[in-house]
C-alpha atoms as a PDB file:
ATOM      1  CA  MET A   1       9.195  25.284  -3.543  1.00  0.00           C
ATOM      2  CA  GLU A   2       9.800  22.412  -1.180  1.00  0.00           C
ATOM      3  CA  GLU A   3       9.999  18.978  -2.791  1.00  0.00           C
ATOM      4  CA  ILE A   4       7.693  16.813  -0.704  1.00  0.00           C
ATOM      5  CA  THR A   5       4.904  14.286  -1.081  1.00  0.00           C
ATOM      6  CA  LEU A   6       1.984  14.650   1.289  1.00  0.00           C
ATOM      7  CA  PHE A   7       0.702  11.493   2.964  1.00  0.00           C
ATOM      8  CA  SER A   8      -2.756  12.516   1.733  1.00  0.00           C
ATOM      9  CA  THR A   9      -1.542  11.991  -1.854  1.00  0.00           C
ATOM     10  CA  VAL A  10      -0.686   8.393  -0.983  1.00  0.00           C
ATOM     11  CA  TYR A  11      -4.042   7.987   0.761  1.00  0.00           C
ATOM     12  CA  GLU A  12      -5.882   9.117  -2.383  1.00  0.00           C
ATOM     13  CA  PHE A  13      -4.069   6.461  -4.433  1.00  0.00           C
ATOM     14  CA  PHE A  14      -4.875   3.851  -1.779  1.00  0.00           C
ATOM     15  CA  LEU A  15      -8.568   4.754  -1.629  1.00  0.00           C
ATOM     16  CA  GLY A  16      -8.703   4.382  -5.398  1.00  0.00           C
ATOM     17  CA  LYS A  17      -7.678   0.727  -5.016  1.00  0.00           C
ATOM     18  CA  ILE A  18     -10.188  -0.330  -2.366  1.00  0.00           C
ATOM     19  CA  THR A  19     -13.875  -0.065  -1.632  1.00  0.00           C
ATOM     20  CA  ASP A  20     -14.619   0.416   2.015  1.00  0.00           C
ATOM     21  CA  ASP A  21     -17.582   2.311   3.407  1.00  0.00           C
ATOM     22  CA  MET A  22     -15.782   2.565   6.738  1.00  0.00           C
ATOM     23  CA  TYR A  23     -13.701   5.509   5.490  1.00  0.00           C
ATOM     24  CA  VAL A  24     -16.877   7.373   4.524  1.00  0.00           C
ATOM     25  CA  SER A  25     -18.254   7.061   8.052  1.00  0.00           C
ATOM     26  CA  LEU A  26     -14.984   8.048   9.755  1.00  0.00           C
ATOM     27  CA  GLY A  27     -13.947  11.631  10.117  1.00  0.00           C
ATOM     28  CA  GLN A  28     -10.944  12.712   8.074  1.00  0.00           C
ATOM     29  CA  GLU A  29      -8.629  12.759  11.089  1.00  0.00           C
ATOM     30  CA  ASP A  30      -9.564   9.197  12.123  1.00  0.00           C
ATOM     31  CA  ALA A  31      -9.355   7.919   8.543  1.00  0.00           C
ATOM     32  CA  TYR A  32      -5.923   9.495   8.053  1.00  0.00           C
ATOM     33  CA  ALA A  33      -4.674   8.042  11.344  1.00  0.00           C
ATOM     34  CA  ASP A  34      -5.817   4.582  10.233  1.00  0.00           C
ATOM     35  CA  MET A  35      -4.258   4.907   6.784  1.00  0.00           C
ATOM     36  CA  GLU A  36      -1.045   6.326   8.285  1.00  0.00           C
ATOM     37  CA  GLN A  37      -0.512   3.080  10.150  1.00  0.00           C
ATOM     38  CA  MET A  38      -0.878   1.056   6.941  1.00  0.00           C
ATOM     39  CA  LEU A  39       1.371   3.483   5.056  1.00  0.00           C
ATOM     40  CA  LEU A  40       4.159   3.142   7.622  1.00  0.00           C
ATOM     41  CA  GLU A  41       3.807  -0.658   7.421  1.00  0.00           C
ATOM     42  CA  GLY A  42       4.238  -0.307   3.657  1.00  0.00           C
ATOM     43  CA  VAL A  43       7.347   1.826   4.101  1.00  0.00           C
ATOM     44  CA  ASN A  44       8.858  -0.923   6.259  1.00  0.00           C
ATOM     45  CA  LYS A  45       7.961  -3.639   3.741  1.00  0.00           C
ATOM     46  CA  PHE A  46       9.329  -1.755   0.706  1.00  0.00           C
ATOM     47  CA  SER A  47      12.727  -3.340   0.099  1.00  0.00           C
ATOM     48  CA  PHE A  48      15.468  -1.249  -1.493  1.00  0.00           C
ATOM     49  CA  PRO A  49      13.546   1.845  -2.592  1.00  0.00           C
ATOM     50  CA  LYS A  50      15.476   4.203  -4.860  1.00  0.00           C
ATOM     51  CA  ILE A  51      14.588   7.151  -2.621  1.00  0.00           C
ATOM     52  CA  ASN A  52      14.702   7.475   1.147  1.00  0.00           C
ATOM     53  CA  LEU A  53      11.155   6.574   2.198  1.00  0.00           C
ATOM     54  CA  ARG A  54      12.139   6.806   5.856  1.00  0.00           C
ATOM     55  CA  ASN A  55      12.657  10.534   5.415  1.00  0.00           C
ATOM     56  CA  TYR A  56       9.194  11.593   6.584  1.00  0.00           C
ATOM     57  CA  ASP A  57       7.680  13.980   9.074  1.00  0.00           C
ATOM     58  CA  LEU A  58       4.629  12.799  11.023  1.00  0.00           C
ATOM     59  CA  SER A  59       4.140  16.171  12.727  1.00  0.00           C
ATOM     60  CA  TYR A  60       3.709  18.085   9.447  1.00  0.00           C
ATOM     61  CA  ALA A  61       0.338  19.780   8.850  1.00  0.00           C
ATOM     62  CA  ASP A  62      -0.528  21.765   5.732  1.00  0.00           C
ATOM     63  CA  ASP A  63      -1.863  25.333   5.819  1.00  0.00           C
ATOM     64  CA  TYR A  64      -5.440  24.137   6.222  1.00  0.00           C
ATOM     65  CA  ASN A  65      -4.561  21.355   8.687  1.00  0.00           C
ATOM     66  CA  LEU A  66      -6.141  18.861   6.286  1.00  0.00           C
ATOM     67  CA  SER A  67      -3.082  16.795   5.464  1.00  0.00           C
ATOM     68  CA  LYS A  68      -0.933  15.434   8.240  1.00  0.00           C
ATOM     69  CA  GLY A  69       2.379  13.819   7.491  1.00  0.00           C
ATOM     70  CA  LYS A  70       4.673  14.162   4.529  1.00  0.00           C
ATOM     71  CA  PHE A  71       7.616  12.534   2.853  1.00  0.00           C
ATOM     72  CA  ASN A  72      10.524  14.937   2.530  1.00  0.00           C
ATOM     73  CA  VAL A  73      11.114  13.592  -0.977  1.00  0.00           C
ATOM     74  CA  VAL A  74       8.989  13.425  -4.103  1.00  0.00           C
ATOM     75  CA  LEU A  75       7.510   9.970  -4.646  1.00  0.00           C
ATOM     76  CA  GLY A  76       7.219   8.816  -8.220  1.00  0.00           C
ATOM     77  CA  ILE A  77       4.340   6.802  -9.582  1.00  0.00           C
ATOM     78  CA  GLY A  78       6.331   3.588  -9.017  1.00  0.00           C
ATOM     79  CA  GLU A  79       6.808   4.268  -5.326  1.00  0.00           C
ATOM     80  CA  LEU A  80       3.174   5.331  -4.915  1.00  0.00           C
ATOM     81  CA  ASP A  81       1.921   2.204  -6.660  1.00  0.00           C
ATOM     82  CA  ILE A  82       4.068  -0.154  -4.594  1.00  0.00           C
ATOM     83  CA  LEU A  83       3.345   1.582  -1.270  1.00  0.00           C
ATOM     84  CA  THR A  84      -0.395   1.553  -1.890  1.00  0.00           C
ATOM     85  CA  ASP A  85      -0.285  -2.138  -2.866  1.00  0.00           C
ATOM     86  CA  TYR A  86       1.362  -2.857   0.480  1.00  0.00           C
ATOM     87  CA  MET A  87      -1.387  -0.814   2.125  1.00  0.00           C
ATOM     88  CA  VAL A  88      -4.042  -2.863   0.298  1.00  0.00           C
ATOM     89  CA  ILE A  89      -2.442  -6.081   1.568  1.00  0.00           C
ATOM     90  CA  SER A  90      -2.589  -4.732   5.139  1.00  0.00           C
ATOM     91  CA  TRP A  91      -6.207  -3.667   4.606  1.00  0.00           C
ATOM     92  CA  VAL A  92      -7.179  -7.113   3.238  1.00  0.00           C
ATOM     93  CA  LYS A  93      -5.523  -8.842   6.208  1.00  0.00           C
ATOM     94  CA  ARG A  94      -7.622  -6.652   8.510  1.00  0.00           C
ATOM     95  CA  GLN A  95     -10.760  -7.666   6.625  1.00  0.00           C
ATOM     96  CA  ILE A  96      -9.821 -11.343   7.002  1.00  0.00           C
ATOM     97  CA  ALA A  97      -9.240 -10.888  10.737  1.00  0.00           C
ATOM     98  CA  HIS A  98     -12.619  -9.169  11.059  1.00  0.00           C
ATOM     99  CA  CYS A  99     -14.376 -12.026   9.220  1.00  0.00           C
ATOM    100  CA  ARG A 100     -12.696 -14.558  11.483  1.00  0.00           C
ATOM    101  CA  LEU A 101     -13.871 -12.675  14.568  1.00  0.00           C
ATOM    102  CA  VAL A 102     -17.423 -12.623  13.221  1.00  0.00           C
ATOM    103  CA  GLU A 103     -17.146 -16.314  12.383  1.00  0.00           C
ATOM    104  CA  MET A 104     -16.106 -17.133  15.954  1.00  0.00           C
ATOM    105  CA  ASN A 105     -19.047 -15.191  17.409  1.00  0.00           C
ATOM    106  CA  TYR A 106     -21.721 -16.888  15.320  1.00  0.00           C
ATOM    107  CA  SER A 107     -22.571 -20.498  14.696  1.00  0.00           C
ATOM    108  CA  GLY A 108     -25.244 -22.592  13.037  1.00  0.00           C
ATOM    109  CA  ALA A 109     -27.818 -20.817  10.888  1.00  0.00           C
ATOM    110  CA  ASP A 110     -26.423 -17.353  11.688  1.00  0.00           C
ATOM    111  CA  ALA A 111     -22.988 -18.352  10.407  1.00  0.00           C
ATOM    112  CA  LYS A 112     -24.508 -19.702   7.180  1.00  0.00           C
ATOM    113  CA  VAL A 113     -26.374 -16.448   6.579  1.00  0.00           C
ATOM    114  CA  LEU A 114     -23.237 -14.375   7.108  1.00  0.00           C
ATOM    115  CA  ASN A 115     -21.248 -16.722   4.837  1.00  0.00           C
ATOM    116  CA  THR A 116     -17.922 -15.664   6.361  1.00  0.00           C
ATOM    117  CA  LYS A 117     -16.113 -18.721   5.032  1.00  0.00           C
ATOM    118  CA  SER A 118     -16.579 -17.670   1.408  1.00  0.00           C
ATOM    119  CA  GLN A 119     -15.717 -14.078   2.313  1.00  0.00           C
ATOM    120  CA  ILE A 120     -12.471 -15.258   3.910  1.00  0.00           C
ATOM    121  CA  GLU A 121     -11.661 -17.363   0.846  1.00  0.00           C
ATOM    122  CA  ALA A 122     -12.274 -14.400  -1.485  1.00  0.00           C
ATOM    123  CA  LEU A 123     -10.213 -12.053   0.673  1.00  0.00           C
ATOM    124  CA  THR A 124      -7.398 -14.604   0.935  1.00  0.00           C
ATOM    125  CA  GLY A 125      -7.375 -14.863  -2.858  1.00  0.00           C
ATOM    126  CA  MET A 126      -7.237 -11.079  -3.085  1.00  0.00           C
ATOM    127  CA  SER A 127      -4.360 -10.975  -0.601  1.00  0.00           C
ATOM    128  CA  ASN A 128      -2.446 -13.607  -2.569  1.00  0.00           C
ATOM    129  CA  PHE A 129      -3.055 -11.711  -5.814  1.00  0.00           C
ATOM    130  CA  PHE A 130      -1.778  -8.400  -4.408  1.00  0.00           C
ATOM    131  CA  THR A 131       1.209 -10.113  -2.775  1.00  0.00           C
ATOM    132  CA  LYS A 132       2.247 -11.588  -6.145  1.00  0.00           C
ATOM    133  CA  GLU A 133       1.573  -8.322  -7.960  1.00  0.00           C
ATOM    134  CA  VAL A 134       3.595  -6.210  -5.543  1.00  0.00           C
ATOM    135  CA  ALA A 135       6.487  -8.707  -5.769  1.00  0.00           C
ATOM    136  CA  LYS A 136       6.464  -8.286  -9.575  1.00  0.00           C
ATOM    137  CA  LYS A 137       6.269  -4.511  -9.275  1.00  0.00           C
ATOM    138  CA  VAL A 138       9.162  -4.380  -6.795  1.00  0.00           C
ATOM    139  CA  ARG A 139      11.273  -6.606  -9.052  1.00  0.00           C
ATOM    140  CA  LEU A 140      10.587  -4.395 -12.087  1.00  0.00           C
ATOM    141  CA  TYR A 141      11.084  -1.226 -10.048  1.00  0.00           C
ATOM    142  CA  SER A 142      14.415  -2.476  -8.700  1.00  0.00           C
ATOM    143  CA  ASN A 143      15.671  -3.337 -12.169  1.00  0.00           C
ATOM    144  CA  THR A 144      14.630  -0.130 -13.890  1.00  0.00           C
ATOM    145  CA  THR A 145      16.772   2.909 -14.467  1.00  0.00           C
ATOM    146  CA  VAL A 146      15.899   6.231 -16.038  1.00  0.00           C
ATOM    147  CA  ASP A 147      18.314   7.477 -18.690  1.00  0.00           C
ATOM    148  CA  GLU A 148      19.242  11.108 -19.434  1.00  0.00           C
ATOM    149  CA  ASP A 149      16.265  11.405 -21.836  1.00  0.00           C
ATOM    150  CA  GLY A 150      13.840  10.416 -19.075  1.00  0.00           C
ATOM    151  CA  MET A 151      13.150   7.003 -20.610  1.00  0.00           C
ATOM    152  CA  SER A 152      12.845   3.934 -18.365  1.00  0.00           C
ATOM    153  CA  ARG A 153      15.242   1.112 -19.152  1.00  0.00           C
ATOM    154  CA  HIS A 154      15.146  -2.434 -17.818  1.00  0.00           C
ATOM    155  CA  SER A 155      18.111  -4.712 -17.429  1.00  0.00           C
ATOM    156  CA  ILE A 156      17.131  -7.943 -19.215  1.00  0.00           C
ATOM    157  CA  LEU A 157      19.722  -9.949 -17.289  1.00  0.00           C
ATOM    158  CA  ALA A 158      18.543  -8.541 -13.968  1.00  0.00           C
ATOM    159  CA  LEU A 159      14.927  -9.350 -14.821  1.00  0.00           C
ATOM    160  CA  SER A 160      15.842 -12.930 -15.676  1.00  0.00           C
ATOM    161  CA  GLY A 161      17.573 -13.368 -12.343  1.00  0.00           C
ATOM    162  CA  LYS A 162      21.021 -13.865 -13.913  1.00  0.00           C
ATOM    163  CA  HIS A 163      23.922 -11.843 -12.647  1.00  0.00           C
ATOM    164  CA  VAL A 164      26.608 -10.297 -14.776  1.00  0.00           C
ATOM    165  CA  ILE A 165      30.112 -10.858 -13.449  1.00  0.00           C
ATOM    166  CA  ARG A 166      32.510  -8.059 -14.338  1.00  0.00           C
END
């Protein structure tokens, strides 16, 4: 059996981290196309992955033509978690941009009713939170190895930022 990870697997993880009615109203093809863009942004932002994330095939379609796109490697939970956090950051930035557009189109009493300023503040806080979290996750991911027993091991010196000279 081919060792791959379908893009749809990543999308499921991503959708579990957000709440957005937009994806309910979109057809599957449109939703996947939108999420694909955020996924590829995440691939570009992921620094020093342990597997080749750029080894993907955008033209792949499964037997039922439901899932388009695949990684030609198996993504572990660490890679999935980090990629989907990057996707969430992209999604939040879109939400902020949308709020700013709404804010520019309305003024006075309408703007107060929409309360875009507080929405932008909340979304900015969410973006900052996910940015810090993904930085922590990448640092831990980069400094973790798996031994022959399948146990994860962290380098204490690497986590502290100190380098060992040999």
